[in-house]
Amino acid sequence: MELLDVYDDKAIKTGKVVERGTNDTNFKRGEHIAVAIIYIENDNNEFLIQKTSKQKGGLYSSTGGHVNHNEEPIDTIKREVKEELGIDISNDNIISLGYLVYDFPVRFIFYLKKNIDINNIVLQKDEVESVSYMSIDEIRDIIDKGLMHNAHAKVLEKVLEYKRDFNI
């Protein structure tokens, strides 16, 4: 049984804890579970994108997952990258870009500039079918075709906004 903290619209824990899979009709207005999502970019300005397994919908996304009870979003993202890709980013310069309330979850957003050799990735097959580096144009193409999770497309816009604002 996985327990999740409940957050408010400002991404602050409310003190309420629920079991993962709890129907969202059990939540009051302004209550959310949380997920953490990271976009990892290489020196060629390409992002590491994964195609989710058929069990997870078979769509494209970035790496991420649910923030467990008593877990900080930064720790979630380190755990998820390790679980899904077999890559340890715990000592890397992960940048927090805040959060986005989109759909039901609060989405904590992270960005990392790192060259990861795809040959060193060990996929968690029940979650991830494949990974590849994609340019912004390639990602926009899969978004336009409806092949990427909507929330991950929204989070990408926040990452690109950050890159524009800081001329990265």
Protein backbone atom coordinates (compact mmCIF):
# COMPACT_ATOMS: atom_id res chain seq x y z
CA MET A 1 0.00 0.00 0.00
CA GLU A 2 1.43 3.34 -1.08
CA LEU A 3 0.54 6.40 0.96
CA LEU A 4 0.51 9.89 -0.52
CA ASP A 5 0.41 13.30 1.12
CA VAL A 6 -2.33 15.69 0.08
CA TYR A 7 -1.31 19.19 -1.05
CA ASP A 8 -3.23 22.42 -1.48
CA ASP A 9 -3.28 24.70 -4.55
CA LYS A 10 -0.02 26.30 -3.39
CA ALA A 11 1.78 22.93 -3.23
CA ILE A 12 1.80 22.88 0.57
CA LYS A 13 1.08 19.67 2.44
CA THR A 14 -2.30 19.77 4.19
CA GLY A 15 -1.54 17.05 6.73
CA LYS A 16 -4.02 14.69 5.09
CA VAL A 17 -2.68 11.35 3.86
CA VAL A 18 -4.43 9.05 1.38
CA GLU A 19 -3.81 5.66 -0.15
CA ARG A 20 -2.61 5.74 -3.75
CA GLY A 21 -5.53 5.03 -6.07
CA THR A 22 -8.00 6.91 -3.90
CA ASN A 23 -10.79 8.21 -6.10
CA ASP A 24 -10.39 11.95 -6.66
CA THR A 25 -14.04 12.46 -5.70
CA ASN A 26 -12.87 11.91 -2.09
CA PHE A 27 -10.87 15.15 -2.28
CA LYS A 28 -12.13 18.60 -1.43
CA ARG A 29 -11.76 21.45 -3.87
CA GLY A 30 -8.14 22.59 -3.84
CA GLU A 31 -6.76 19.25 -2.61
CA HIS A 32 -4.25 17.37 -4.76
CA ILE A 33 -1.83 14.50 -4.70
CA ALA A 34 1.66 15.32 -6.02
CA VAL A 35 3.94 14.04 -8.73
CA ALA A 36 7.48 15.08 -9.61
CA ILE A 37 8.67 15.37 -13.21
CA ILE A 38 12.17 16.01 -14.54
CA TYR A 39 13.38 17.01 -17.96
CA ILE A 40 16.98 16.00 -18.60
CA GLU A 41 18.74 17.83 -21.41
CA ASN A 42 22.06 16.95 -23.04
CA ASP A 43 24.67 19.31 -24.51
CA ASN A 44 23.02 18.99 -27.94
CA ASN A 45 19.84 20.64 -26.57
CA GLU A 46 17.96 17.35 -26.77
CA PHE A 47 15.75 16.03 -24.01
CA LEU A 48 15.71 12.46 -22.72
CA ILE A 49 12.19 11.28 -23.52
CA GLN A 50 10.73 7.93 -22.64
CA LYS A 51 7.93 5.97 -24.20
CA THR A 52 5.85 4.44 -21.46
CA SER A 53 5.08 0.75 -21.44
CA LYS A 54 1.81 -0.50 -22.88
CA GLN A 55 0.56 -1.05 -19.29
CA LYS A 56 1.21 2.66 -18.63
CA GLY A 57 -0.51 3.83 -21.82
CA GLY A 58 2.28 3.70 -24.41
CA LEU A 59 2.59 7.48 -24.62
CA TYR A 60 5.73 9.60 -24.51
CA SER A 61 6.71 11.45 -21.37
CA SER A 62 9.61 12.60 -19.33
CA THR A 63 10.66 10.79 -16.16
CA GLY A 64 8.59 11.20 -13.04
CA GLY A 65 6.29 9.69 -10.48
CA HIS A 66 4.17 10.09 -7.38
CA VAL A 67 5.56 11.85 -4.34
CA ASN A 68 5.16 9.37 -1.50
CA HIS A 69 4.05 10.22 2.02
CA ASN A 70 6.87 11.96 3.95
CA GLU A 71 8.98 12.23 0.79
CA GLU A 72 10.26 15.48 -0.66
CA PRO A 73 9.71 16.01 -4.40
CA ILE A 74 13.47 16.25 -5.06
CA ASP A 75 13.92 12.83 -3.44
CA THR A 76 11.04 11.49 -5.53
CA ILE A 77 12.72 12.58 -8.75
CA LYS A 78 16.05 11.01 -7.74
CA ARG A 79 14.24 7.78 -6.85
CA GLU A 80 12.18 7.71 -10.05
CA VAL A 81 15.17 8.29 -12.35
CA LYS A 82 17.02 5.49 -10.55
CA GLU A 83 14.02 3.12 -10.72
CA GLU A 84 12.89 3.84 -14.28
CA LEU A 85 16.25 4.44 -15.98
CA GLY A 86 18.86 2.92 -13.65
CA ILE A 87 20.69 6.26 -13.50
CA ASP A 88 21.89 7.87 -10.26
CA ILE A 89 21.43 11.65 -10.34
CA SER A 90 21.63 12.15 -6.57
CA ASN A 91 24.86 14.19 -6.80
CA ASP A 92 23.87 16.23 -9.85
CA ASN A 93 22.79 19.86 -10.03
CA ILE A 94 19.05 19.31 -10.25
CA ILE A 95 17.19 22.59 -10.60
CA SER A 96 13.74 22.99 -9.07
CA LEU A 97 11.40 25.04 -11.26
CA GLY A 98 8.52 25.18 -8.82
CA TYR A 99 5.20 23.51 -9.47
CA LEU A 100 2.22 23.46 -11.77
CA VAL A 101 -1.33 22.68 -10.75
CA TYR A 102 -2.67 20.96 -13.82
CA ASP A 103 -5.43 18.43 -13.87
CA PHE A 104 -5.66 16.78 -10.46
CA PRO A 105 -2.06 16.47 -9.23
CA VAL A 106 0.32 19.19 -8.21
CA ARG A 107 3.31 18.67 -10.50
CA PHE A 108 6.73 19.55 -9.09
CA ILE A 109 9.05 20.45 -11.97
CA PHE A 110 12.76 19.72 -12.19
CA TYR A 111 15.43 20.31 -14.83
CA LEU A 112 18.86 18.77 -15.22
CA LYS A 113 21.56 19.46 -17.79
CA LYS A 114 23.43 16.15 -18.11
CA ASN A 115 24.83 13.97 -20.84
CA ILE A 116 23.53 10.47 -20.22
CA ASP A 117 24.69 7.68 -22.48
CA ILE A 118 21.56 5.84 -23.58
CA ASN A 119 23.58 2.61 -23.62
CA ASN A 120 23.99 2.93 -19.83
CA ILE A 121 20.25 3.15 -19.20
CA VAL A 122 18.56 0.14 -17.62
CA LEU A 123 14.83 0.40 -18.25
CA GLN A 124 12.19 -0.57 -15.73
CA LYS A 125 10.28 -2.57 -18.37
CA ASP A 126 6.90 -2.51 -16.61
CA GLU A 127 7.02 1.31 -16.73
CA VAL A 128 9.22 2.26 -19.69
CA GLU A 129 9.32 0.71 -23.17
CA SER A 130 12.15 2.83 -24.61
CA VAL A 131 14.09 6.10 -24.29
CA SER A 132 15.62 8.44 -26.82
CA TYR A 133 16.94 11.95 -27.08
CA MET A 134 14.62 14.32 -28.93
CA SER A 135 14.91 17.89 -30.12
CA ILE A 136 12.24 20.43 -29.21
CA ASP A 137 10.84 20.14 -32.76
CA GLU A 138 10.59 16.35 -32.46
CA ILE A 139 8.88 16.67 -29.07
CA ARG A 140 6.43 19.27 -30.40
CA ASP A 141 5.64 16.89 -33.26
CA ILE A 142 4.69 14.05 -30.89
CA ILE A 143 2.69 16.53 -28.79
CA ASP A 144 0.81 17.72 -31.89
CA LYS A 145 0.05 14.10 -32.78
CA GLY A 146 -1.37 13.47 -29.28
CA LEU A 147 1.38 10.98 -28.45
CA MET A 148 2.67 12.67 -25.28
CA HIS A 149 0.98 12.87 -21.91
CA ASN A 150 -0.69 16.30 -21.75
CA ALA A 151 0.74 17.07 -18.34
CA HIS A 152 4.28 16.37 -19.53
CA ALA A 153 3.72 18.72 -22.46
CA LYS A 154 2.58 21.45 -20.02
CA VAL A 155 5.60 20.84 -17.79
CA LEU A 156 7.90 21.06 -20.83
CA GLU A 157 6.55 24.56 -21.51
CA LYS A 158 7.61 25.57 -17.99
CA VAL A 159 11.09 24.15 -18.61
CA LEU A 160 11.39 26.02 -21.90
CA GLU A 161 10.19 29.21 -20.20
CA TYR A 162 12.95 28.80 -17.61
CA LYS A 163 15.54 28.25 -20.35
CA ARG A 164 14.34 31.40 -22.17
CA ASP A 165 14.29 33.49 -19.01
CA PHE A 166 17.85 32.50 -18.09
CA ASN A 167 19.18 32.24 -21.64
CA ILE A 168 20.19 28.61 -21.21
